[in-house]
Every structure is written in structure tokens, then in C-alpha cells.
């Protein structure tokens, strides 16, 4: 895995906004209303797309050379660079919602004591799994 990736994006300008696509990454798409927003959104979608590729052990292609990209008059090619350590950290430390079932009497008692279910469950899972810090 690399720390940085740089891929060309094509910004398709239309009256209602900017569509963003990556020639090397079919399905890596976004939409924005301004160029400033498109630059931010392109970086975000590229980072998430590449993170998912890494997570699925898919091979990440080499970017097409800029001189091989043909643009129409309403399109511009923009190089988008992502720093993957930040994206990996955000994705791996993101909270995940879980649904659980407990007896009604236990729920009532926990509510009376104002128990924070998330904290208790996290502490119990860490203890059960022998984990002291984030892996």
C-alpha cells in the first residue's frame, strides 16, 4: 500500500453543476456545484474509493498519462492527490452502529443508573478480546 496516490479526474461542467469522474477508476464518481467544492469532493471520493480497493485487496491501476486524456470543451482534467494514512485512520476508527438485545429488566435498571451503553460495550469487548488500545 502506498501513502499517496495521484489520479487524474475529469470535471464535466454543465449548467447545473460539475460531474466528477476518474478515467482509471470506473464507478469513482461525484457531483458538485462549484469548482472549489469539486476539488474537495474529488479528493474525498478518490480516498474512499482507493481505501475500499485496498480493503478488498484489489489491485490499484497506474494512472493514465495526462497527454492520453481527451477532453471536450466543457471538461477539464485535474490531478487529485490523496494522503492515505489519514483516510485509513478515519475509516478504521469510525464508529459503527450495532443493535443489541437485552432483557427488559436489565434495560430498566441501566436506564435508572443512566448507563452509557456504548462505553460499557466497548470496555467489555476490549476486556473480552484482551485489547488495551486501538489495533
N, C-alpha and C. Protein backbone atom coordinates (compact mmCIF):
# COMPACT_ATOMS: atom_id res chain seq x y z
N UNK A 1 0.84 -1.18 0.00
CA UNK A 1 0.00 0.00 0.00
C UNK A 1 0.88 1.25 0.00
N UNK A 2 0.47 2.18 -0.79
CA UNK A 2 1.21 3.43 -0.88
C UNK A 2 0.59 4.46 0.07
N UNK A 3 1.40 5.44 0.46
CA UNK A 3 0.89 6.52 1.30
C UNK A 3 0.15 7.58 0.50
N UNK A 4 0.58 7.80 -0.73
CA UNK A 4 -0.11 8.80 -1.57
C UNK A 4 -0.44 8.20 -2.93
N UNK A 5 -1.54 8.68 -3.46
CA UNK A 5 -1.94 8.34 -4.82
C UNK A 5 -2.34 9.64 -5.50
N UNK A 6 -2.03 9.74 -6.79
CA UNK A 6 -2.46 10.88 -7.59
C UNK A 6 -3.10 10.35 -8.86
N UNK A 7 -4.35 10.73 -9.07
CA UNK A 7 -5.08 10.29 -10.25
C UNK A 7 -5.70 11.49 -10.94
N UNK A 8 -5.78 11.43 -12.28
CA UNK A 8 -6.48 12.49 -13.00
C UNK A 8 -7.99 12.33 -12.86
N UNK A 9 -8.65 13.43 -12.62
CA UNK A 9 -10.11 13.48 -12.58
C UNK A 9 -10.56 14.33 -13.75
N UNK A 10 -11.72 14.02 -14.26
CA UNK A 10 -12.31 14.86 -15.30
C UNK A 10 -13.50 15.57 -14.69
N UNK A 11 -13.45 16.89 -14.73
CA UNK A 11 -14.56 17.71 -14.26
C UNK A 11 -15.40 18.04 -15.49
N UNK A 12 -16.64 17.58 -15.48
CA UNK A 12 -17.58 17.82 -16.57
C UNK A 12 -18.49 18.98 -16.15
N UNK A 13 -18.28 20.14 -16.77
CA UNK A 13 -19.05 21.33 -16.42
C UNK A 13 -20.37 21.37 -17.19
N UNK A 14 -21.46 21.58 -16.44
CA UNK A 14 -22.78 21.72 -17.04
C UNK A 14 -23.50 22.87 -16.34
N UNK A 15 -24.64 23.27 -16.84
CA UNK A 15 -25.39 24.38 -16.25
C UNK A 15 -25.79 24.10 -14.80
N UNK A 16 -26.02 22.85 -14.47
CA UNK A 16 -26.50 22.52 -13.13
C UNK A 16 -25.40 22.04 -12.18
N UNK A 17 -24.13 22.09 -12.59
CA UNK A 17 -23.04 21.71 -11.69
C UNK A 17 -21.91 21.00 -12.40
N UNK A 18 -21.10 20.32 -11.61
CA UNK A 18 -19.90 19.66 -12.12
C UNK A 18 -19.95 18.19 -11.76
N UNK A 19 -19.89 17.34 -12.77
CA UNK A 19 -19.78 15.90 -12.54
C UNK A 19 -18.30 15.55 -12.53
N UNK A 20 -17.93 14.68 -11.63
CA UNK A 20 -16.52 14.30 -11.47
C UNK A 20 -16.38 12.81 -11.75
N UNK A 21 -15.43 12.47 -12.60
CA UNK A 21 -15.15 11.06 -12.88
C UNK A 21 -13.64 10.86 -12.94
N UNK A 22 -13.24 9.62 -12.76
CA UNK A 22 -11.83 9.25 -12.81
C UNK A 22 -11.68 8.19 -13.91
N UNK A 23 -10.98 8.50 -15.01
CA UNK A 23 -10.88 7.57 -16.14
C UNK A 23 -10.33 6.19 -15.75
N UNK A 24 -9.46 6.14 -14.77
CA UNK A 24 -8.84 4.87 -14.37
C UNK A 24 -9.67 4.08 -13.38
N UNK A 25 -10.70 4.70 -12.81
CA UNK A 25 -11.46 4.08 -11.72
C UNK A 25 -12.95 4.16 -12.00
N UNK A 26 -13.46 3.26 -12.84
CA UNK A 26 -14.89 3.27 -13.15
C UNK A 26 -15.72 3.15 -11.86
N UNK A 27 -16.71 3.95 -11.73
CA UNK A 27 -17.54 3.93 -10.52
C UNK A 27 -17.10 4.92 -9.47
N UNK A 28 -15.94 5.51 -9.63
CA UNK A 28 -15.47 6.55 -8.70
C UNK A 28 -15.99 7.88 -9.24
N UNK A 29 -17.14 8.29 -8.72
CA UNK A 29 -17.86 9.44 -9.27
C UNK A 29 -18.32 10.37 -8.15
N UNK A 30 -18.50 11.63 -8.49
CA UNK A 30 -19.08 12.58 -7.55
C UNK A 30 -19.72 13.71 -8.35
N UNK A 31 -20.36 14.60 -7.62
CA UNK A 31 -21.04 15.75 -8.23
C UNK A 31 -20.90 16.93 -7.29
N UNK A 32 -20.66 18.10 -7.83
CA UNK A 32 -20.51 19.31 -7.03
C UNK A 32 -21.13 20.50 -7.75
N UNK A 33 -21.29 21.57 -7.00
CA UNK A 33 -21.90 22.76 -7.58
C UNK A 33 -20.89 23.84 -7.94
N UNK A 34 -19.67 23.76 -7.40
CA UNK A 34 -18.65 24.76 -7.73
C UNK A 34 -17.31 24.05 -7.89
N UNK A 35 -16.36 24.74 -8.52
CA UNK A 35 -15.03 24.15 -8.71
C UNK A 35 -14.35 23.91 -7.37
N UNK A 36 -14.48 24.85 -6.45
CA UNK A 36 -13.87 24.69 -5.13
C UNK A 36 -14.43 23.45 -4.42
N UNK A 37 -15.74 23.29 -4.47
CA UNK A 37 -16.39 22.13 -3.86
C UNK A 37 -15.99 20.84 -4.60
N UNK A 38 -15.86 20.92 -5.92
CA UNK A 38 -15.48 19.75 -6.72
C UNK A 38 -14.08 19.26 -6.36
N UNK A 39 -13.16 20.17 -6.11
CA UNK A 39 -11.81 19.76 -5.72
C UNK A 39 -11.83 18.99 -4.40
N UNK A 40 -12.60 19.49 -3.45
CA UNK A 40 -12.73 18.83 -2.15
C UNK A 40 -13.44 17.49 -2.30
N UNK A 41 -14.54 17.48 -3.02
CA UNK A 41 -15.31 16.25 -3.20
C UNK A 41 -14.52 15.19 -3.97
N UNK A 42 -13.75 15.61 -4.96
CA UNK A 42 -12.95 14.66 -5.74
C UNK A 42 -11.90 13.99 -4.85
N UNK A 43 -11.28 14.75 -3.97
CA UNK A 43 -10.30 14.17 -3.06
C UNK A 43 -10.96 13.17 -2.12
N UNK A 44 -12.13 13.53 -1.61
CA UNK A 44 -12.84 12.65 -0.68
C UNK A 44 -13.27 11.35 -1.36
N UNK A 45 -13.90 11.46 -2.53
CA UNK A 45 -14.38 10.25 -3.20
C UNK A 45 -13.21 9.37 -3.65
N UNK A 46 -12.12 9.97 -4.09
CA UNK A 46 -10.96 9.19 -4.50
C UNK A 46 -10.37 8.44 -3.32
N UNK A 47 -10.23 9.12 -2.19
CA UNK A 47 -9.68 8.47 -1.00
C UNK A 47 -10.52 7.30 -0.54
N UNK A 48 -11.83 7.47 -0.49
CA UNK A 48 -12.73 6.39 -0.06
C UNK A 48 -12.73 5.23 -1.05
N UNK A 49 -12.70 5.56 -2.33
CA UNK A 49 -12.69 4.53 -3.36
C UNK A 49 -11.42 3.69 -3.26
N UNK A 50 -10.27 4.36 -3.12
CA UNK A 50 -9.00 3.64 -3.01
C UNK A 50 -8.91 2.86 -1.71
N UNK A 51 -9.45 3.41 -0.62
CA UNK A 51 -9.47 2.67 0.65
C UNK A 51 -10.25 1.37 0.48
N UNK A 52 -11.40 1.45 -0.18
CA UNK A 52 -12.19 0.23 -0.40
C UNK A 52 -11.45 -0.77 -1.29
N UNK A 53 -10.74 -0.28 -2.28
CA UNK A 53 -9.95 -1.17 -3.13
C UNK A 53 -8.87 -1.87 -2.30
N UNK A 54 -8.18 -1.10 -1.46
CA UNK A 54 -7.16 -1.70 -0.58
C UNK A 54 -7.78 -2.73 0.34
N UNK A 55 -8.92 -2.37 0.93
CA UNK A 55 -9.59 -3.24 1.89
C UNK A 55 -10.04 -4.55 1.25
N UNK A 56 -10.39 -4.50 -0.03
CA UNK A 56 -10.82 -5.70 -0.77
C UNK A 56 -9.65 -6.39 -1.48
N UNK A 57 -8.43 -5.92 -1.22
CA UNK A 57 -7.21 -6.46 -1.86
C UNK A 57 -7.28 -6.42 -3.38
N UNK A 58 -7.92 -5.39 -3.91
CA UNK A 58 -7.96 -5.19 -5.36
C UNK A 58 -6.70 -4.44 -5.78
N UNK A 59 -6.21 -4.74 -6.96
CA UNK A 59 -5.03 -4.02 -7.44
C UNK A 59 -5.44 -2.63 -7.92
N UNK A 60 -4.64 -1.66 -7.55
CA UNK A 60 -4.90 -0.27 -7.91
C UNK A 60 -4.11 0.03 -9.18
N UNK A 61 -4.80 0.48 -10.23
CA UNK A 61 -4.11 0.69 -11.51
C UNK A 61 -3.17 1.89 -11.48
N UNK A 62 -2.27 1.89 -12.41
CA UNK A 62 -1.42 3.07 -12.62
C UNK A 62 -2.28 4.12 -13.33
N UNK A 63 -2.12 5.39 -12.94
CA UNK A 63 -2.92 6.44 -13.58
C UNK A 63 -2.55 6.62 -15.05
N UNK A 64 -3.54 6.92 -15.84
CA UNK A 64 -3.32 7.20 -17.26
C UNK A 64 -2.49 8.49 -17.39
N UNK A 65 -1.54 8.53 -18.31
CA UNK A 65 -0.78 9.78 -18.51
C UNK A 65 -1.71 10.91 -18.98
N UNK A 66 -1.44 12.10 -18.50
CA UNK A 66 -2.31 13.24 -18.82
C UNK A 66 -2.43 13.49 -20.32
N UNK A 67 -1.35 13.24 -21.08
CA UNK A 67 -1.40 13.51 -22.52
C UNK A 67 -2.26 12.49 -23.27
N UNK A 68 -2.73 11.46 -22.60
CA UNK A 68 -3.61 10.46 -23.22
C UNK A 68 -5.10 10.75 -22.98
N UNK A 69 -5.38 11.77 -22.17
CA UNK A 69 -6.77 12.09 -21.84
C UNK A 69 -7.31 13.12 -22.83
N UNK A 70 -8.40 12.78 -23.47
CA UNK A 70 -9.07 13.69 -24.41
C UNK A 70 -10.27 14.32 -23.70
N UNK A 71 -10.31 15.62 -23.68
CA UNK A 71 -11.42 16.33 -23.03
C UNK A 71 -12.24 17.09 -24.07
N UNK A 72 -13.52 17.19 -23.79
CA UNK A 72 -14.41 18.01 -24.60
C UNK A 72 -14.32 19.45 -24.11
N UNK A 73 -14.96 20.37 -24.80
CA UNK A 73 -14.84 21.78 -24.45
C UNK A 73 -15.38 22.12 -23.07
N UNK A 74 -16.33 21.32 -22.55
CA UNK A 74 -16.90 21.59 -21.23
C UNK A 74 -16.24 20.74 -20.13
N UNK A 75 -15.08 20.19 -20.42
CA UNK A 75 -14.38 19.33 -19.47
C UNK A 75 -12.97 19.85 -19.19
N UNK A 76 -12.51 19.59 -17.98
CA UNK A 76 -11.15 19.93 -17.59
C UNK A 76 -10.57 18.73 -16.84
N UNK A 77 -9.28 18.47 -17.07
CA UNK A 77 -8.59 17.42 -16.33
C UNK A 77 -7.89 18.05 -15.14
N UNK A 78 -8.06 17.44 -13.98
CA UNK A 78 -7.48 17.94 -12.74
C UNK A 78 -6.80 16.78 -12.04
N UNK A 79 -5.56 16.99 -11.58
CA UNK A 79 -4.89 15.95 -10.80
C UNK A 79 -5.35 16.03 -9.35
N UNK A 80 -5.76 14.89 -8.82
CA UNK A 80 -6.23 14.81 -7.45
C UNK A 80 -5.29 13.90 -6.68
N UNK A 81 -4.78 14.41 -5.57
CA UNK A 81 -3.83 13.66 -4.75
C UNK A 81 -4.46 13.37 -3.39
N UNK A 82 -4.30 12.14 -2.91
CA UNK A 82 -4.81 11.78 -1.59
C UNK A 82 -3.69 11.21 -0.74
N UNK A 83 -3.74 11.53 0.54
CA UNK A 83 -2.81 11.05 1.56
C UNK A 83 -3.54 9.96 2.33
N UNK A 84 -3.21 8.71 2.04
CA UNK A 84 -3.97 7.57 2.53
C UNK A 84 -3.88 7.32 4.04
N UNK A 85 -2.76 7.61 4.73
CA UNK A 85 -2.75 7.34 6.17
C UNK A 85 -3.88 8.03 6.93
N UNK A 86 -4.23 9.24 6.52
CA UNK A 86 -5.34 9.95 7.19
C UNK A 86 -6.66 9.24 6.90
N UNK A 87 -6.87 8.86 5.66
CA UNK A 87 -8.11 8.19 5.28
C UNK A 87 -8.23 6.84 5.97
N UNK A 88 -7.13 6.08 5.98
CA UNK A 88 -7.16 4.77 6.65
C UNK A 88 -7.49 4.94 8.13
N UNK A 89 -6.88 5.91 8.78
CA UNK A 89 -7.13 6.13 10.20
C UNK A 89 -8.59 6.51 10.44
N UNK A 90 -9.13 7.42 9.63
CA UNK A 90 -10.53 7.83 9.79
C UNK A 90 -11.47 6.65 9.61
N UNK A 91 -11.21 5.82 8.62
CA UNK A 91 -12.09 4.69 8.34
C UNK A 91 -11.99 3.62 9.43
N UNK A 92 -10.80 3.39 9.94
CA UNK A 92 -10.60 2.33 10.91
C UNK A 92 -11.03 2.73 12.32
N UNK A 93 -11.13 4.03 12.58
CA UNK A 93 -11.55 4.48 13.91
C UNK A 93 -12.97 5.02 13.91
N UNK A 94 -13.64 4.93 12.77
CA UNK A 94 -15.02 5.40 12.69
C UNK A 94 -15.92 4.52 13.56
N UNK A 95 -16.91 5.14 14.16
CA UNK A 95 -17.86 4.39 14.97
C UNK A 95 -18.84 3.64 14.07
N UNK A 96 -19.24 2.46 14.53
CA UNK A 96 -20.18 1.62 13.81
C UNK A 96 -21.37 1.36 14.71
N UNK A 97 -22.56 1.59 14.20
CA UNK A 97 -23.77 1.36 14.98
C UNK A 97 -24.07 -0.12 15.00
N UNK A 98 -24.35 -0.65 16.20
CA UNK A 98 -24.72 -2.04 16.39
C UNK A 98 -26.04 -2.10 17.14
N UNK A 99 -26.85 -3.05 16.81
CA UNK A 99 -28.10 -3.27 17.51
C UNK A 99 -27.91 -4.47 18.43
N UNK A 100 -28.41 -4.35 19.66
CA UNK A 100 -28.27 -5.46 20.59
C UNK A 100 -29.58 -5.69 21.31
N UNK A 101 -29.69 -6.85 21.91
CA UNK A 101 -30.91 -7.22 22.64
C UNK A 101 -30.52 -7.59 24.06
N UNK A 102 -31.23 -6.98 25.03
CA UNK A 102 -31.02 -7.31 26.44
C UNK A 102 -32.38 -7.48 27.10
N UNK A 103 -32.43 -8.15 28.23
CA UNK A 103 -33.71 -8.31 28.92
C UNK A 103 -34.27 -6.96 29.37
N UNK A 104 -35.58 -6.85 29.37
CA UNK A 104 -36.25 -5.60 29.74
C UNK A 104 -35.87 -5.14 31.14
N UNK A 105 -35.78 -6.07 32.11
CA UNK A 105 -35.45 -5.69 33.48
C UNK A 105 -34.06 -5.08 33.56
N UNK A 106 -33.11 -5.61 32.72
CA UNK A 106 -31.75 -5.08 32.72
C UNK A 106 -31.72 -3.69 32.08
N UNK A 107 -32.49 -3.51 31.03
CA UNK A 107 -32.59 -2.21 30.37
C UNK A 107 -33.14 -1.16 31.33
N UNK A 108 -34.19 -1.54 32.07
CA UNK A 108 -34.81 -0.60 33.02
C UNK A 108 -33.81 -0.17 34.08
N UNK A 109 -33.09 -1.12 34.64
CA UNK A 109 -32.09 -0.83 35.67
C UNK A 109 -30.97 0.06 35.10
N UNK A 110 -30.52 -0.25 33.89
CA UNK A 110 -29.45 0.53 33.25
C UNK A 110 -29.90 1.96 32.99
N UNK A 111 -31.15 2.13 32.56
CA UNK A 111 -31.67 3.48 32.33
C UNK A 111 -31.78 4.26 33.63
N UNK A 112 -32.19 3.60 34.71
CA UNK A 112 -32.26 4.26 36.02
C UNK A 112 -30.88 4.74 36.46
N UNK A 113 -29.86 3.97 36.13
CA UNK A 113 -28.48 4.32 36.52
C UNK A 113 -27.79 5.18 35.45
N UNK A 114 -28.53 5.56 34.39
CA UNK A 114 -28.01 6.39 33.29
C UNK A 114 -26.74 5.80 32.68
N UNK A 115 -26.82 4.52 32.37
CA UNK A 115 -25.68 3.80 31.80
C UNK A 115 -25.45 4.26 30.35
N UNK A 116 -24.19 4.46 30.01
CA UNK A 116 -23.80 4.74 28.62
C UNK A 116 -23.48 3.38 27.99
N UNK A 117 -24.43 2.87 27.21
CA UNK A 117 -24.28 1.54 26.61
C UNK A 117 -23.03 1.43 25.75
N UNK A 118 -22.73 2.45 24.98
CA UNK A 118 -21.57 2.40 24.09
C UNK A 118 -20.28 2.23 24.87
N UNK A 119 -20.12 3.02 25.93
CA UNK A 119 -18.89 2.91 26.74
C UNK A 119 -18.77 1.54 27.38
N UNK A 120 -19.87 1.05 27.94
CA UNK A 120 -19.85 -0.25 28.61
C UNK A 120 -19.54 -1.37 27.62
N UNK A 121 -20.18 -1.34 26.47
CA UNK A 121 -19.95 -2.38 25.47
C UNK A 121 -18.52 -2.34 24.95
N UNK A 122 -18.00 -1.15 24.68
CA UNK A 122 -16.62 -1.04 24.22
C UNK A 122 -15.64 -1.57 25.26
N UNK A 123 -15.84 -1.18 26.51
CA UNK A 123 -14.95 -1.64 27.58
C UNK A 123 -15.03 -3.17 27.72
N UNK A 124 -16.24 -3.70 27.68
CA UNK A 124 -16.42 -5.15 27.82
C UNK A 124 -15.79 -5.90 26.64
N UNK A 125 -15.96 -5.39 25.42
CA UNK A 125 -15.36 -6.05 24.26
C UNK A 125 -13.84 -6.01 24.32
N UNK A 126 -13.28 -4.87 24.70
CA UNK A 126 -11.82 -4.76 24.82
C UNK A 126 -11.31 -5.74 25.86
N UNK A 127 -11.99 -5.83 27.00
CA UNK A 127 -11.59 -6.76 28.05
C UNK A 127 -11.70 -8.20 27.54
N UNK A 128 -12.80 -8.53 26.93
CA UNK A 128 -13.05 -9.88 26.43
C UNK A 128 -12.01 -10.29 25.38
N UNK A 129 -11.64 -9.34 24.51
CA UNK A 129 -10.70 -9.62 23.43
C UNK A 129 -9.24 -9.39 23.83
N UNK A 130 -9.02 -8.91 25.05
CA UNK A 130 -7.65 -8.65 25.51
C UNK A 130 -7.00 -7.48 24.81
N UNK A 131 -7.80 -6.49 24.43
CA UNK A 131 -7.31 -5.32 23.71
C UNK A 131 -7.22 -4.15 24.68
N UNK A 132 -6.07 -3.49 24.68
CA UNK A 132 -5.90 -2.33 25.56
C UNK A 132 -6.01 -1.01 24.78
N UNK A 133 -5.55 -1.02 23.57
CA UNK A 133 -5.58 0.18 22.72
C UNK A 133 -6.13 -0.22 21.36
N UNK A 134 -6.39 0.79 20.53
CA UNK A 134 -6.85 0.54 19.16
C UNK A 134 -5.76 -0.24 18.42
N UNK A 135 -6.19 -1.25 17.70
CA UNK A 135 -5.24 -2.08 16.94
C UNK A 135 -4.81 -1.34 15.70
